[in-house]
Amino acid sequence: MVAPATDKADEYLIFEPALLVEVASSDSLATDRGVKKNEYTRLPSLIYYIIISQEEMLVELYSRIEDVWTFTFFTEPDEVLDLSRLGISLKLSEVYEFVDFTATE
């Protein structure tokens, strides 16, 4: 989570987050896309909400410009997530750099 302000007494208490990232499993995906997205996108400070799949190379990016939310999904290793309002950009391959999708349980 990226936020301009934290609680001085509790560094894990975040005020006014600008970026929220969820790493989703098949069990949590519906909640991340539904209830959580609806709650998070109501936060006035939030600029980006990202859902990262842990089961396949898939990132969902929700971006706010003023009061309008846009949605983009990324599935190719060379695609770039551009979080320009935070000065961040990274390739999808960097997000999944240490993930081995061929590993079995």
PDB file of N, CA and C in Angstrom:
ATOM      1  N   MET A   1       0.844  -1.159   0.000  1.00  0.00           N
ATOM      2  CA  MET A   1       0.000   0.000   0.000  1.00  0.00           C
ATOM      3  C   MET A   1       0.899   1.236   0.000  1.00  0.00           C
ATOM      4  N   VAL A   2       0.554   2.202  -0.794  1.00  0.00           N
ATOM      5  CA  VAL A   2       1.265   3.473  -0.841  1.00  0.00           C
ATOM      6  C   VAL A   2       0.334   4.531  -0.281  1.00  0.00           C
ATOM      7  N   ALA A   3       0.842   5.307   0.668  1.00  0.00           N
ATOM      8  CA  ALA A   3       0.008   6.332   1.288  1.00  0.00           C
ATOM      9  C   ALA A   3       0.866   7.517   1.690  1.00  0.00           C
ATOM     10  N   PRO A   4       0.313   8.730   1.568  1.00  0.00           N
ATOM     11  CA  PRO A   4       1.065   9.911   1.973  1.00  0.00           C
ATOM     12  C   PRO A   4       1.128  10.103   3.483  1.00  0.00           C
ATOM     13  N   ALA A   5       0.282   9.400   4.230  1.00  0.00           N
ATOM     14  CA  ALA A   5       0.257   9.606   5.676  1.00  0.00           C
ATOM     15  C   ALA A   5       0.061   8.281   6.408  1.00  0.00           C
ATOM     16  N   THR A   6       0.807   8.109   7.492  1.00  0.00           N
ATOM     17  CA  THR A   6       0.635   6.956   8.366  1.00  0.00           C
ATOM     18  C   THR A   6       0.468   7.458   9.790  1.00  0.00           C
ATOM     19  N   ASP A   7       0.023   6.589  10.648  1.00  0.00           N
ATOM     20  CA  ASP A   7      -0.124   6.915  12.064  1.00  0.00           C
ATOM     21  C   ASP A   7       1.255   6.819  12.714  1.00  0.00           C
ATOM     22  N   LYS A   8       1.670   7.854  13.421  1.00  0.00           N
ATOM     23  CA  LYS A   8       2.999   7.853  14.047  1.00  0.00           C
ATOM     24  C   LYS A   8       3.140   6.762  15.111  1.00  0.00           C
ATOM     25  N   ALA A   9       2.054   6.410  15.776  1.00  0.00           N
ATOM     26  CA  ALA A   9       2.101   5.393  16.814  1.00  0.00           C
ATOM     27  C   ALA A   9       2.042   3.969  16.247  1.00  0.00           C
ATOM     28  N   ASP A  10       1.478   3.832  15.041  1.00  0.00           N
ATOM     29  CA  ASP A  10       1.324   2.510  14.436  1.00  0.00           C
ATOM     30  C   ASP A  10       1.631   2.619  12.955  1.00  0.00           C
ATOM     31  N   GLU A  11       2.828   2.215  12.559  1.00  0.00           N
ATOM     32  CA  GLU A  11       3.262   2.361  11.170  1.00  0.00           C
ATOM     33  C   GLU A  11       2.432   1.540  10.197  1.00  0.00           C
ATOM     34  N   TYR A  12       1.647   0.574  10.702  1.00  0.00           N
ATOM     35  CA  TYR A  12       0.815  -0.246   9.831  1.00  0.00           C
ATOM     36  C   TYR A  12      -0.575   0.351   9.617  1.00  0.00           C
ATOM     37  N   LEU A  13      -0.877   1.438  10.300  1.00  0.00           N
ATOM     38  CA  LEU A  13      -2.155   2.121  10.137  1.00  0.00           C
ATOM     39  C   LEU A  13      -1.973   3.191   9.069  1.00  0.00           C
ATOM     40  N   ILE A  14      -2.663   3.043   7.960  1.00  0.00           N
ATOM     41  CA  ILE A  14      -2.480   3.895   6.792  1.00  0.00           C
ATOM     42  C   ILE A  14      -3.679   4.831   6.638  1.00  0.00           C
ATOM     43  N   PHE A  15      -3.361   6.092   6.382  1.00  0.00           N
ATOM     44  CA  PHE A  15      -4.387   7.075   6.065  1.00  0.00           C
ATOM     45  C   PHE A  15      -4.224   7.478   4.604  1.00  0.00           C
ATOM     46  N   GLU A  16      -5.300   7.706   3.930  1.00  0.00           N
ATOM     47  CA  GLU A  16      -5.293   8.221   2.562  1.00  0.00           C
ATOM     48  C   GLU A  16      -4.409   7.414   1.606  1.00  0.00           C
ATOM     49  N   PRO A  17      -4.694   6.119   1.445  1.00  0.00           N
ATOM     50  CA  PRO A  17      -3.878   5.321   0.516  1.00  0.00           C
ATOM     51  C   PRO A  17      -4.064   5.796  -0.917  1.00  0.00           C
ATOM     52  N   ALA A  18      -2.979   5.800  -1.675  1.00  0.00           N
ATOM     53  CA  ALA A  18      -3.017   6.145  -3.095  1.00  0.00           C
ATOM     54  C   ALA A  18      -3.019   4.884  -3.959  1.00  0.00           C
ATOM     55  N   LEU A  19      -2.452   3.797  -3.422  1.00  0.00           N
ATOM     56  CA  LEU A  19      -2.341   2.536  -4.147  1.00  0.00           C
ATOM     57  C   LEU A  19      -2.674   1.390  -3.207  1.00  0.00           C
ATOM     58  N   LEU A  20      -3.552   0.498  -3.664  1.00  0.00           N
ATOM     59  CA  LEU A  20      -3.841  -0.740  -2.936  1.00  0.00           C
ATOM     60  C   LEU A  20      -3.605  -1.900  -3.888  1.00  0.00           C
ATOM     61  N   VAL A  21      -2.927  -2.943  -3.398  1.00  0.00           N
ATOM     62  CA  VAL A  21      -2.617  -4.117  -4.209  1.00  0.00           C
ATOM     63  C   VAL A  21      -3.110  -5.360  -3.481  1.00  0.00           C
ATOM     64  N   GLU A  22      -3.855  -6.181  -4.192  1.00  0.00           N
ATOM     65  CA  GLU A  22      -4.323  -7.468  -3.675  1.00  0.00           C
ATOM     66  C   GLU A  22      -3.661  -8.573  -4.479  1.00  0.00           C
ATOM     67  N   VAL A  23      -3.146  -9.586  -3.810  1.00  0.00           N
ATOM     68  CA  VAL A  23      -2.688 -10.800  -4.483  1.00  0.00           C
ATOM     69  C   VAL A  23      -3.817 -11.803  -4.298  1.00  0.00           C
ATOM     70  N   ALA A  24      -4.466 -12.131  -5.406  1.00  0.00           N
ATOM     71  CA  ALA A  24      -5.705 -12.904  -5.351  1.00  0.00           C
ATOM     72  C   ALA A  24      -5.470 -14.381  -5.629  1.00  0.00           C
ATOM     73  N   SER A  25      -6.220 -15.183  -4.909  1.00  0.00           N
ATOM     74  CA  SER A  25      -6.288 -16.617  -5.192  1.00  0.00           C
ATOM     75  C   SER A  25      -7.641 -16.874  -5.832  1.00  0.00           C
ATOM     76  N   SER A  26      -7.852 -18.082  -6.297  1.00  0.00           N
ATOM     77  CA  SER A  26      -9.161 -18.398  -6.883  1.00  0.00           C
ATOM     78  C   SER A  26     -10.270 -18.246  -5.845  1.00  0.00           C
ATOM     79  N   ASP A  27      -9.941 -18.463  -4.574  1.00  0.00           N
ATOM     80  CA  ASP A  27     -10.933 -18.328  -3.510  1.00  0.00           C
ATOM     81  C   ASP A  27     -11.282 -16.875  -3.196  1.00  0.00           C
ATOM     82  N   SER A  28     -10.327 -15.953  -3.380  1.00  0.00           N
ATOM     83  CA  SER A  28     -10.565 -14.553  -2.994  1.00  0.00           C
ATOM     84  C   SER A  28     -10.910 -13.643  -4.169  1.00  0.00           C
ATOM     85  N   LEU A  29     -10.792 -14.137  -5.396  1.00  0.00           N
ATOM     86  CA  LEU A  29     -10.928 -13.280  -6.565  1.00  0.00           C
ATOM     87  C   LEU A  29     -12.288 -12.585  -6.648  1.00  0.00           C
ATOM     88  N   ALA A  30     -13.347 -13.294  -6.391  1.00  0.00           N
ATOM     89  CA  ALA A  30     -14.686 -12.679  -6.471  1.00  0.00           C
ATOM     90  C   ALA A  30     -14.833 -11.553  -5.449  1.00  0.00           C
ATOM     91  N   THR A  31     -14.303 -11.747  -4.249  1.00  0.00           N
ATOM     92  CA  THR A  31     -14.358 -10.706  -3.217  1.00  0.00           C
ATOM     93  C   THR A  31     -13.489  -9.523  -3.597  1.00  0.00           C
ATOM     94  N   ASP A  32     -12.295  -9.782  -4.143  1.00  0.00           N
ATOM     95  CA  ASP A  32     -11.390  -8.699  -4.545  1.00  0.00           C
ATOM     96  C   ASP A  32     -11.992  -7.861  -5.659  1.00  0.00           C
ATOM     97  N   ARG A  33     -12.660  -8.515  -6.615  1.00  0.00           N
ATOM     98  CA  ARG A  33     -13.268  -7.804  -7.741  1.00  0.00           C
ATOM     99  C   ARG A  33     -14.603  -7.166  -7.383  1.00  0.00           C
ATOM    100  N   GLY A  34     -15.235  -7.655  -6.341  1.00  0.00           N
ATOM    101  CA  GLY A  34     -16.570  -7.179  -5.979  1.00  0.00           C
ATOM    102  C   GLY A  34     -16.562  -6.258  -4.782  1.00  0.00           C
ATOM    103  N   VAL A  35     -16.741  -6.853  -3.609  1.00  0.00           N
ATOM    104  CA  VAL A  35     -16.898  -6.088  -2.373  1.00  0.00           C
ATOM    105  C   VAL A  35     -15.705  -5.170  -2.121  1.00  0.00           C
ATOM    106  N   LYS A  36     -14.496  -5.711  -2.190  1.00  0.00           N
ATOM    107  CA  LYS A  36     -13.315  -4.889  -1.895  1.00  0.00           C
ATOM    108  C   LYS A  36     -13.147  -3.759  -2.908  1.00  0.00           C
ATOM    109  N   LYS A  37     -13.299  -4.072  -4.191  1.00  0.00           N
ATOM    110  CA  LYS A  37     -13.165  -3.026  -5.213  1.00  0.00           C
ATOM    111  C   LYS A  37     -14.182  -1.921  -4.979  1.00  0.00           C
ATOM    112  N   ASN A  38     -15.406  -2.281  -4.689  1.00  0.00           N
ATOM    113  CA  ASN A  38     -16.445  -1.273  -4.446  1.00  0.00           C
ATOM    114  C   ASN A  38     -16.125  -0.406  -3.231  1.00  0.00           C
ATOM    115  N   GLU A  39     -15.601  -1.018  -2.183  1.00  0.00           N
ATOM    116  CA  GLU A  39     -15.241  -0.250  -0.986  1.00  0.00           C
ATOM    117  C   GLU A  39     -14.011   0.617  -1.239  1.00  0.00           C
ATOM    118  N   TYR A  40     -12.990   0.040  -1.846  1.00  0.00           N
ATOM    119  CA  TYR A  40     -11.736   0.763  -2.060  1.00  0.00           C
ATOM    120  C   TYR A  40     -11.914   1.945  -3.007  1.00  0.00           C
ATOM    121  N   THR A  41     -12.696   1.767  -4.068  1.00  0.00           N
ATOM    122  CA  THR A  41     -12.826   2.846  -5.047  1.00  0.00           C
ATOM    123  C   THR A  41     -13.655   4.019  -4.520  1.00  0.00           C
ATOM    124  N   ARG A  42     -14.219   3.865  -3.362  1.00  0.00           N
ATOM    125  CA  ARG A  42     -14.907   4.991  -2.704  1.00  0.00           C
ATOM    126  C   ARG A  42     -13.945   5.862  -1.894  1.00  0.00           C
ATOM    127  N   LEU A  43     -12.730   5.379  -1.667  1.00  0.00           N
ATOM    128  CA  LEU A  43     -11.746   6.163  -0.919  1.00  0.00           C
ATOM    129  C   LEU A  43     -11.298   7.342  -1.773  1.00  0.00           C
ATOM    130  N   PRO A  44     -11.467   8.567  -1.305  1.00  0.00           N
ATOM    131  CA  PRO A  44     -11.140   9.732  -2.131  1.00  0.00           C
ATOM    132  C   PRO A  44      -9.666   9.832  -2.515  1.00  0.00           C
ATOM    133  N   SER A  45      -8.777   9.281  -1.707  1.00  0.00           N
ATOM    134  CA  SER A  45      -7.337   9.395  -1.971  1.00  0.00           C
ATOM    135  C   SER A  45      -6.825   8.333  -2.946  1.00  0.00           C
ATOM    136  N   LEU A  46      -7.602   7.263  -3.147  1.00  0.00           N
ATOM    137  CA  LEU A  46      -7.112   6.133  -3.940  1.00  0.00           C
ATOM    138  C   LEU A  46      -7.021   6.493  -5.417  1.00  0.00           C
ATOM    139  N   ILE A  47      -5.858   6.222  -6.004  1.00  0.00           N
ATOM    140  CA  ILE A  47      -5.614   6.465  -7.423  1.00  0.00           C
ATOM    141  C   ILE A  47      -5.598   5.142  -8.192  1.00  0.00           C
ATOM    142  N   TYR A  48      -4.987   4.115  -7.593  1.00  0.00           N
ATOM    143  CA  TYR A  48      -4.837   2.823  -8.263  1.00  0.00           C
ATOM    144  C   TYR A  48      -5.245   1.684  -7.332  1.00  0.00           C
ATOM    145  N   TYR A  49      -5.978   0.723  -7.895  1.00  0.00           N
ATOM    146  CA  TYR A  49      -6.277  -0.533  -7.215  1.00  0.00           C
ATOM    147  C   TYR A  49      -5.837  -1.640  -8.163  1.00  0.00           C
ATOM    148  N   ILE A  50      -4.977  -2.531  -7.672  1.00  0.00           N
ATOM    149  CA  ILE A  50      -4.403  -3.583  -8.506  1.00  0.00           C
ATOM    150  C   ILE A  50      -4.730  -4.941  -7.903  1.00  0.00           C
ATOM    151  N   ILE A  51      -5.179  -5.853  -8.757  1.00  0.00           N
ATOM    152  CA  ILE A  51      -5.401  -7.243  -8.359  1.00  0.00           C
ATOM    153  C   ILE A  51      -4.423  -8.100  -9.155  1.00  0.00           C
ATOM    154  N   ILE A  52      -3.586  -8.839  -8.434  1.00  0.00           N
ATOM    155  CA  ILE A  52      -2.579  -9.699  -9.056  1.00  0.00           C
ATOM    156  C   ILE A  52      -2.981 -11.153  -8.833  1.00  0.00           C
ATOM    157  N   SER A  53      -3.093 -11.895  -9.910  1.00  0.00           N
ATOM    158  CA  SER A  53      -3.404 -13.318  -9.807  1.00  0.00           C
ATOM    159  C   SER A  53      -2.154 -14.080  -9.400  1.00  0.00           C
ATOM    160  N   GLN A  54      -2.330 -15.029  -8.496  1.00  0.00           N
ATOM    161  CA  GLN A  54      -1.200 -15.879  -8.129  1.00  0.00           C
ATOM    162  C   GLN A  54      -1.215 -17.197  -8.902  1.00  0.00           C
ATOM    163  N   GLU A  55      -2.233 -17.393  -9.744  1.00  0.00           N
ATOM    164  CA  GLU A  55      -2.372 -18.655 -10.456  1.00  0.00           C
ATOM    165  C   GLU A  55      -2.058 -18.565 -11.944  1.00  0.00           C
ATOM    166  N   GLU A  56      -2.007 -17.351 -12.479  1.00  0.00           N
ATOM    167  CA  GLU A  56      -1.668 -17.136 -13.883  1.00  0.00           C
ATOM    168  C   GLU A  56      -1.129 -15.723 -14.025  1.00  0.00           C
ATOM    169  N   MET A  57      -0.473 -15.447 -15.141  1.00  0.00           N
ATOM    170  CA  MET A  57       0.061 -14.117 -15.366  1.00  0.00           C
ATOM    171  C   MET A  57      -1.093 -13.210 -15.774  1.00  0.00           C
ATOM    172  N   LEU A  58      -1.658 -12.552 -14.785  1.00  0.00           N
ATOM    173  CA  LEU A  58      -2.807 -11.677 -14.992  1.00  0.00           C
ATOM    174  C   LEU A  58      -2.819 -10.610 -13.909  1.00  0.00           C
ATOM    175  N   VAL A  59      -2.784  -9.359 -14.335  1.00  0.00           N
ATOM    176  CA  VAL A  59      -2.895  -8.223 -13.415  1.00  0.00           C
ATOM    177  C   VAL A  59      -4.035  -7.349 -13.896  1.00  0.00           C
ATOM    178  N   GLU A  60      -4.913  -6.986 -12.972  1.00  0.00           N
ATOM    179  CA  GLU A  60      -6.016  -6.076 -13.258  1.00  0.00           C
ATOM    180  C   GLU A  60      -5.695  -4.737 -12.614  1.00  0.00           C
ATOM    181  N   LEU A  61      -5.725  -3.685 -13.402  1.00  0.00           N
ATOM    182  CA  LEU A  61      -5.397  -2.346 -12.920  1.00  0.00           C
ATOM    183  C   LEU A  61      -6.619  -1.454 -13.046  1.00  0.00           C
ATOM    184  N   TYR A  62      -7.063  -0.928 -11.916  1.00  0.00           N
ATOM    185  CA  TYR A  62      -8.130   0.063 -11.876  1.00  0.00           C
ATOM    186  C   TYR A  62      -7.469   1.397 -11.569  1.00  0.00           C
ATOM    187  N   SER A  63      -7.700   2.398 -12.430  1.00  0.00           N
ATOM    188  CA  SER A  63      -7.057   3.702 -12.293  1.00  0.00           C
ATOM    189  C   SER A  63      -8.126   4.793 -12.231  1.00  0.00           C
ATOM    190  N   ARG A  64      -7.888   5.774 -11.370  1.00  0.00           N
ATOM    191  CA  ARG A  64      -8.822   6.893 -11.271  1.00  0.00           C
ATOM    192  C   ARG A  64      -8.175   8.166 -11.824  1.00  0.00           C
ATOM    193  N   ILE A  65      -8.918   8.833 -12.687  1.00  0.00           N
ATOM    194  CA  ILE A  65      -8.573  10.188 -13.110  1.00  0.00           C
ATOM    195  C   ILE A  65      -9.790  11.026 -12.770  1.00  0.00           C
ATOM    196  N   GLU A  66      -9.592  11.905 -11.798  1.00  0.00           N
ATOM    197  CA  GLU A  66     -10.678  12.677 -11.204  1.00  0.00           C
ATOM    198  C   GLU A  66     -11.706  11.690 -10.652  1.00  0.00           C
ATOM    199  N   ASP A  67     -12.943  11.692 -11.139  1.00  0.00           N
ATOM    200  CA  ASP A  67     -13.956  10.784 -10.599  1.00  0.00           C
ATOM    201  C   ASP A  67     -14.266   9.611 -11.515  1.00  0.00           C
ATOM    202  N   VAL A  68     -13.431   9.396 -12.526  1.00  0.00           N
ATOM    203  CA  VAL A  68     -13.677   8.325 -13.493  1.00  0.00           C
ATOM    204  C   VAL A  68     -12.653   7.209 -13.296  1.00  0.00           C
ATOM    205  N   TRP A  69     -13.167   5.982 -13.117  1.00  0.00           N
ATOM    206  CA  TRP A  69     -12.313   4.804 -12.983  1.00  0.00           C
ATOM    207  C   TRP A  69     -12.217   4.100 -14.328  1.00  0.00           C
ATOM    208  N   THR A  70     -10.995   3.699 -14.690  1.00  0.00           N
ATOM    209  CA  THR A  70     -10.792   2.899 -15.893  1.00  0.00           C
ATOM    210  C   THR A  70     -10.217   1.551 -15.480  1.00  0.00           C
ATOM    211  N   PHE A  71     -10.380   0.584 -16.358  1.00  0.00           N
ATOM    212  CA  PHE A  71      -9.914  -0.780 -16.079  1.00  0.00           C
ATOM    213  C   PHE A  71      -9.036  -1.243 -17.226  1.00  0.00           C
ATOM    214  N   THR A  72      -7.880  -1.812 -16.886  1.00  0.00           N
ATOM    215  CA  THR A  72      -6.978  -2.398 -17.871  1.00  0.00           C
ATOM    216  C   THR A  72      -6.479  -3.718 -17.310  1.00  0.00           C
ATOM    217  N   PHE A  73      -6.387  -4.736 -18.160  1.00  0.00           N
ATOM    218  CA  PHE A  73      -5.791  -5.979 -17.686  1.00  0.00           C
ATOM    219  C   PHE A  73      -4.546  -6.276 -18.500  1.00  0.00           C
ATOM    220  N   PHE A  74      -3.604  -6.971 -17.870  1.00  0.00           N
ATOM    221  CA  PHE A  74      -2.308  -7.271 -18.449  1.00  0.00           C
ATOM    222  C   PHE A  74      -2.067  -8.770 -18.360  1.00  0.00           C
ATOM    223  N   THR A  75      -1.640  -9.370 -19.477  1.00  0.00           N
ATOM    224  CA  THR A  75      -1.390 -10.813 -19.504  1.00  0.00           C
ATOM    225  C   THR A  75      -0.065 -11.179 -20.163  1.00  0.00           C
ATOM    226  N   GLU A  76       0.594 -10.219 -20.798  1.00  0.00           N
ATOM    227  CA  GLU A  76       1.826 -10.492 -21.532  1.00  0.00           C
ATOM    228  C   GLU A  76       3.042  -9.982 -20.758  1.00  0.00           C
ATOM    229  N   PRO A  77       4.123 -10.756 -20.705  1.00  0.00           N
ATOM    230  CA  PRO A  77       5.301 -10.393 -19.910  1.00  0.00           C
ATOM    231  C   PRO A  77       5.885  -9.015 -20.218  1.00  0.00           C
ATOM    232  N   ASP A  78       5.804  -8.565 -21.466  1.00  0.00           N
ATOM    233  CA  ASP A  78       6.401  -7.280 -21.840  1.00  0.00           C
ATOM    234  C   ASP A  78       5.463  -6.092 -21.647  1.00  0.00           C
ATOM    235  N   GLU A  79       4.214  -6.339 -21.263  1.00  0.00           N
ATOM    236  CA  GLU A  79       3.303  -5.225 -21.017  1.00  0.00           C
ATOM    237  C   GLU A  79       3.761  -4.448 -19.786  1.00  0.00           C
ATOM    238  N   VAL A  80       3.518  -3.141 -19.805  1.00  0.00           N
ATOM    239  CA  VAL A  80       3.998  -2.264 -18.733  1.00  0.00           C
ATOM    240  C   VAL A  80       2.826  -1.692 -17.954  1.00  0.00           C
ATOM    241  N   LEU A  81       2.883  -1.879 -16.640  1.00  0.00           N
ATOM    242  CA  LEU A  81       1.930  -1.235 -15.748  1.00  0.00           C
ATOM    243  C   LEU A  81       2.473   0.166 -15.484  1.00  0.00           C
ATOM    244  N   ASP A  82       1.729   1.160 -15.921  1.00  0.00           N
ATOM    245  CA  ASP A  82       2.168   2.536 -15.790  1.00  0.00           C
ATOM    246  C   ASP A  82       1.369   3.216 -14.686  1.00  0.00           C
ATOM    247  N   LEU A  83       2.030   3.422 -13.560  1.00  0.00           N
ATOM    248  CA  LEU A  83       1.426   4.125 -12.432  1.00  0.00           C
ATOM    249  C   LEU A  83       2.075   5.506 -12.369  1.00  0.00           C
ATOM    250  N   SER A  84       1.910   6.247 -13.444  1.00  0.00           N
ATOM    251  CA  SER A  84       2.651   7.500 -13.641  1.00  0.00           C
ATOM    252  C   SER A  84       2.386   8.533 -12.560  1.00  0.00           C
ATOM    253  N   ARG A  85       1.211   8.540 -11.993  1.00  0.00           N
ATOM    254  CA  ARG A  85       0.912   9.526 -10.948  1.00  0.00           C
ATOM    255  C   ARG A  85       1.696   9.259  -9.669  1.00  0.00           C
ATOM    256  N   LEU A  86       2.275   8.062  -9.566  1.00  0.00           N
ATOM    257  CA  LEU A  86       3.137   7.730  -8.434  1.00  0.00           C
ATOM    258  C   LEU A  86       4.599   7.607  -8.858  1.00  0.00           C
ATOM    259  N   GLY A  87       4.871   7.836 -10.127  1.00  0.00           N
ATOM    260  CA  GLY A  87       6.240   7.727 -10.630  1.00  0.00           C
ATOM    261  C   GLY A  87       6.734   6.298 -10.712  1.00  0.00           C
ATOM    262  N   ILE A  88       5.820   5.356 -10.961  1.00  0.00           N
ATOM    263  CA  ILE A  88       6.158   3.938 -10.996  1.00  0.00           C
ATOM    264  C   ILE A  88       5.729   3.343 -12.333  1.00  0.00           C
ATOM    265  N   SER A  89       6.599   2.547 -12.933  1.00  0.00           N
ATOM    266  CA  SER A  89       6.201   1.722 -14.069  1.00  0.00           C
ATOM    267  C   SER A  89       7.021   0.439 -13.995  1.00  0.00           C
ATOM    268  N   LEU A  90       6.376  -0.675 -14.303  1.00  0.00           N
ATOM    269  CA  LEU A  90       7.080  -1.945 -14.274  1.00  0.00           C
ATOM    270  C   LEU A  90       6.438  -2.912 -15.244  1.00  0.00           C
ATOM    271  N   LYS A  91       7.286  -3.772 -15.793  1.00  0.00           N
ATOM    272  CA  LYS A  91       6.803  -4.795 -16.706  1.00  0.00           C
ATOM    273  C   LYS A  91       6.114  -5.896 -15.908  1.00  0.00           C
ATOM    274  N   LEU A  92       5.175  -6.528 -16.559  1.00  0.00           N
ATOM    275  CA  LEU A  92       4.487  -7.649 -15.932  1.00  0.00           C
ATOM    276  C   LEU A  92       5.483  -8.745 -15.561  1.00  0.00           C
ATOM    277  N   SER A  93       6.504  -8.920 -16.378  1.00  0.00           N
ATOM    278  CA  SER A  93       7.524  -9.928 -16.074  1.00  0.00           C
ATOM    279  C   SER A  93       8.236  -9.625 -14.754  1.00  0.00           C
ATOM    280  N   GLU A  94       8.336  -8.353 -14.377  1.00  0.00           N
ATOM    281  CA  GLU A  94       8.947  -7.997 -13.100  1.00  0.00           C
ATOM    282  C   GLU A  94       8.028  -8.348 -11.929  1.00  0.00           C
ATOM    283  N   VAL A  95       6.737  -8.201 -12.142  1.00  0.00           N
ATOM    284  CA  VAL A  95       5.770  -8.559 -11.092  1.00  0.00           C
ATOM    285  C   VAL A  95       5.876 -10.049 -10.777  1.00  0.00           C
ATOM    286  N   TYR A  96       6.052 -10.857 -11.817  1.00  0.00           N
ATOM    287  CA  TYR A  96       6.065 -12.308 -11.667  1.00  0.00           C
ATOM    288  C   TYR A  96       7.477 -12.898 -11.732  1.00  0.00           C
ATOM    289  N   GLU A  97       8.476 -12.103 -11.480  1.00  0.00           N
ATOM    290  CA  GLU A  97       9.863 -12.519 -11.667  1.00  0.00           C
ATOM    291  C   GLU A  97      10.215 -13.840 -10.975  1.00  0.00           C
ATOM    292  N   PHE A  98       9.744 -14.064  -9.783  1.00  0.00           N
ATOM    293  CA  PHE A  98      10.131 -15.261  -9.032  1.00  0.00           C
ATOM    294  C   PHE A  98       8.993 -16.282  -8.923  1.00  0.00           C
ATOM    295  N   VAL A  99       8.010 -16.171  -9.803  1.00  0.00           N
ATOM    296  CA  VAL A  99       6.871 -17.082  -9.783  1.00  0.00           C
ATOM    297  C   VAL A  99       7.067 -18.158 -10.839  1.00  0.00           C
ATOM    298  N   ASP A 100       6.899 -19.405 -10.430  1.00  0.00           N
ATOM    299  CA  ASP A 100       6.998 -20.539 -11.334  1.00  0.00           C
ATOM    300  C   ASP A 100       5.606 -21.158 -11.467  1.00  0.00           C
ATOM    301  N   PHE A 101       4.943 -20.872 -12.590  1.00  0.00           N
ATOM    302  CA  PHE A 101       3.593 -21.393 -12.793  1.00  0.00           C
ATOM    303  C   PHE A 101       3.587 -22.873 -13.145  1.00  0.00           C
ATOM    304  N   THR A 102       4.748 -23.447 -13.432  1.00  0.00           N
ATOM    305  CA  THR A 102       4.795 -24.867 -13.779  1.00  0.00           C
ATOM    306  C   THR A 102       4.924 -25.748 -12.544  1.00  0.00           C
ATOM    307  N   ALA A 103       5.216 -25.132 -11.388  1.00  0.00           N
ATOM    308  CA  ALA A 103       5.355 -25.916 -10.158  1.00  0.00           C
ATOM    309  C   ALA A 103       4.012 -26.524  -9.789  1.00  0.00           C
ATOM    310  N   THR A 104       4.054 -27.759  -9.292  1.00  0.00           N
ATOM    311  CA  THR A 104       2.821 -28.431  -8.864  1.00  0.00           C
ATOM    312  C   THR A 104       2.821 -28.532  -7.352  1.00  0.00           C
ATOM    313  N   GLU A 105       1.618 -28.704  -6.830  1.00  0.00           N
ATOM    314  CA  GLU A 105       1.494 -28.818  -5.364  1.00  0.00           C
ATOM    315  C   GLU A 105       1.859 -30.203  -4.890  1.00  0.00           C
TER     316      GLU A 105
END
